[in-house]
Amino acid sequence: MNTTKVIIFSAAMAFLAFRLYQKYIKKGKDKPGAGTNHFSGSSFSSSSKDDDYEPYSKK
C-alpha cells in the first residue's frame, strides 16, 4: 500500500468510528433515566455513632 491509500483508509476508519460513537451515544441518551447520577448522595452516612469526632483534635 502506498501512502495515499493508507491515509484514505485511516480517514475512512476514523469517520466510521466517529459515526458509530455518535450512534451509541444517541442510543444511550434516548433511554429514560440515562445520564442520571446514581451516586448523588454522600459517600459517608449522616448518622455516625460518634458525632463529635474531630479527626485533627489528637484525642
N, C-alpha and C. Protein backbone atom coordinates (compact mmCIF):
# COMPACT_ATOMS: atom_id res chain seq x y z
N MET A 1 0.85 -1.19 0.00
CA MET A 1 0.00 0.00 0.00
C MET A 1 0.88 1.24 0.00
N ASN A 2 0.52 2.17 -0.81
CA ASN A 2 1.29 3.40 -0.79
C ASN A 2 0.70 4.37 0.23
N THR A 3 1.34 5.48 0.40
CA THR A 3 0.99 6.44 1.45
C THR A 3 -0.42 7.00 1.27
N THR A 4 -0.82 7.25 0.06
CA THR A 4 -2.15 7.81 -0.21
C THR A 4 -3.25 6.85 0.23
N LYS A 5 -3.09 5.58 -0.08
CA LYS A 5 -4.09 4.59 0.31
C LYS A 5 -4.16 4.44 1.83
N VAL A 6 -3.03 4.50 2.49
CA VAL A 6 -3.01 4.39 3.96
C VAL A 6 -3.73 5.58 4.59
N ILE A 7 -3.51 6.77 4.07
CA ILE A 7 -4.18 7.97 4.61
C ILE A 7 -5.68 7.89 4.37
N ILE A 8 -6.09 7.48 3.18
CA ILE A 8 -7.53 7.36 2.87
C ILE A 8 -8.17 6.29 3.75
N PHE A 9 -7.51 5.16 3.91
CA PHE A 9 -8.03 4.08 4.74
C PHE A 9 -8.16 4.51 6.20
N SER A 10 -7.16 5.20 6.73
CA SER A 10 -7.22 5.62 8.13
C SER A 10 -8.28 6.71 8.33
N ALA A 11 -8.46 7.58 7.35
CA ALA A 11 -9.50 8.60 7.45
C ALA A 11 -10.88 7.95 7.41
N ALA A 12 -11.05 6.94 6.57
CA ALA A 12 -12.33 6.24 6.50
C ALA A 12 -12.62 5.51 7.81
N MET A 13 -11.61 4.89 8.38
CA MET A 13 -11.80 4.19 9.66
C MET A 13 -12.12 5.17 10.79
N ALA A 14 -11.48 6.32 10.79
CA ALA A 14 -11.77 7.34 11.82
C ALA A 14 -13.20 7.85 11.67
N PHE A 15 -13.64 8.08 10.42
CA PHE A 15 -15.01 8.53 10.18
C PHE A 15 -16.02 7.48 10.63
N LEU A 16 -15.74 6.23 10.32
CA LEU A 16 -16.63 5.14 10.73
C LEU A 16 -16.70 5.04 12.26
N ALA A 17 -15.57 5.14 12.90
CA ALA A 17 -15.54 5.07 14.37
C ALA A 17 -16.32 6.22 14.97
N PHE A 18 -16.18 7.41 14.40
CA PHE A 18 -16.91 8.58 14.90
C PHE A 18 -18.42 8.41 14.73
N ARG A 19 -18.84 7.89 13.60
CA ARG A 19 -20.27 7.69 13.36
C ARG A 19 -20.85 6.63 14.31
N LEU A 20 -20.12 5.56 14.55
CA LEU A 20 -20.58 4.55 15.49
C LEU A 20 -20.66 5.12 16.90
N TYR A 21 -19.68 5.93 17.26
CA TYR A 21 -19.69 6.58 18.56
C TYR A 21 -20.93 7.46 18.71
N GLN A 22 -21.25 8.26 17.70
CA GLN A 22 -22.44 9.10 17.74
C GLN A 22 -23.71 8.26 17.86
N LYS A 23 -23.76 7.17 17.16
CA LYS A 23 -24.95 6.32 17.17
C LYS A 23 -25.20 5.76 18.57
N TYR A 24 -24.16 5.25 19.21
CA TYR A 24 -24.36 4.64 20.51
C TYR A 24 -24.53 5.66 21.62
N ILE A 25 -23.98 6.83 21.48
CA ILE A 25 -24.22 7.89 22.46
C ILE A 25 -25.67 8.34 22.36
N LYS A 26 -26.17 8.52 21.16
CA LYS A 26 -27.57 8.92 20.97
C LYS A 26 -28.50 7.83 21.48
N LYS A 27 -28.16 6.58 21.25
CA LYS A 27 -28.98 5.46 21.71
C LYS A 27 -29.04 5.43 23.23
N GLY A 28 -27.96 5.73 23.89
CA GLY A 28 -27.91 5.73 25.35
C GLY A 28 -28.68 6.88 25.96
N LYS A 29 -28.74 8.02 25.26
CA LYS A 29 -29.47 9.18 25.79
C LYS A 29 -30.97 9.04 25.63
N ASP A 30 -31.42 8.20 24.70
CA ASP A 30 -32.85 8.01 24.49
C ASP A 30 -33.50 7.20 25.61
N LYS A 31 -32.72 6.46 26.36
CA LYS A 31 -33.27 5.64 27.43
C LYS A 31 -33.70 6.52 28.59
N PRO A 32 -34.83 6.22 29.23
CA PRO A 32 -35.23 7.01 30.38
C PRO A 32 -34.27 6.77 31.55
N GLY A 33 -33.90 7.84 32.20
CA GLY A 33 -33.00 7.73 33.33
C GLY A 33 -31.54 7.72 32.95
N ALA A 34 -31.25 7.82 31.68
CA ALA A 34 -29.85 7.84 31.24
C ALA A 34 -29.23 9.17 31.61
N GLY A 35 -28.02 9.12 32.06
CA GLY A 35 -27.32 10.34 32.42
C GLY A 35 -27.55 10.76 33.85
N THR A 36 -28.36 10.03 34.58
CA THR A 36 -28.56 10.38 35.98
C THR A 36 -27.44 9.81 36.81
N ASN A 37 -27.13 10.49 37.85
CA ASN A 37 -26.04 10.07 38.72
C ASN A 37 -26.63 9.19 39.81
N HIS A 38 -26.25 7.94 39.85
CA HIS A 38 -26.76 7.03 40.86
C HIS A 38 -26.06 7.23 42.19
N PHE A 39 -24.98 7.95 42.19
CA PHE A 39 -24.22 8.19 43.41
C PHE A 39 -24.35 9.64 43.84
N SER A 40 -25.56 10.17 43.78
CA SER A 40 -25.75 11.58 44.08
C SER A 40 -25.69 11.86 45.58
N GLY A 41 -25.86 10.85 46.40
CA GLY A 41 -25.82 11.05 47.84
C GLY A 41 -24.41 11.14 48.36
N SER A 42 -24.30 11.37 49.64
CA SER A 42 -22.99 11.45 50.27
C SER A 42 -22.36 10.07 50.34
N SER A 43 -21.05 10.02 50.28
CA SER A 43 -20.37 8.73 50.35
C SER A 43 -20.23 8.28 51.81
N PHE A 44 -20.51 9.15 52.73
CA PHE A 44 -20.47 8.81 54.15
C PHE A 44 -21.87 8.90 54.73
N SER A 45 -22.17 8.03 55.65
CA SER A 45 -23.51 8.07 56.23
C SER A 45 -23.64 9.27 57.15
N SER A 46 -24.84 9.84 57.19
CA SER A 46 -25.05 11.03 58.01
C SER A 46 -25.31 10.67 59.47
N SER A 47 -25.57 9.42 59.75
CA SER A 47 -25.84 9.03 61.12
C SER A 47 -24.70 8.15 61.63
N SER A 48 -23.61 8.77 62.01
CA SER A 48 -22.50 8.00 62.53
C SER A 48 -22.65 7.82 64.03
N LYS A 49 -21.93 6.88 64.60
CA LYS A 49 -22.02 6.61 66.03
C LYS A 49 -21.40 7.73 66.85
N ASP A 50 -20.32 8.28 66.37
CA ASP A 50 -19.59 9.28 67.14
C ASP A 50 -19.70 10.63 66.43
N ASP A 51 -20.76 11.38 66.72
CA ASP A 51 -21.00 12.64 66.02
C ASP A 51 -20.01 13.73 66.41
N ASP A 52 -19.40 13.66 67.58
CA ASP A 52 -18.49 14.72 67.99
C ASP A 52 -17.03 14.40 67.66
N TYR A 53 -16.80 13.50 66.75
CA TYR A 53 -15.45 13.11 66.35
C TYR A 53 -14.79 14.23 65.56
N GLU A 54 -13.62 14.64 65.97
CA GLU A 54 -12.84 15.63 65.25
C GLU A 54 -11.52 14.98 64.88
N PRO A 55 -11.25 14.77 63.60
CA PRO A 55 -10.10 13.99 63.18
C PRO A 55 -8.75 14.60 63.54
N TYR A 56 -8.64 15.92 63.71
CA TYR A 56 -7.35 16.53 63.98
C TYR A 56 -7.25 17.07 65.40
N SER A 57 -8.10 16.59 66.28
CA SER A 57 -8.06 17.10 67.64
C SER A 57 -7.04 16.38 68.53
N LYS A 58 -6.43 15.29 68.04
CA LYS A 58 -5.43 14.49 68.76
C LYS A 58 -5.94 14.01 70.11
N LYS A 59 -7.15 13.47 70.12
CA LYS A 59 -7.73 12.91 71.34
C LYS A 59 -7.19 11.54 71.60
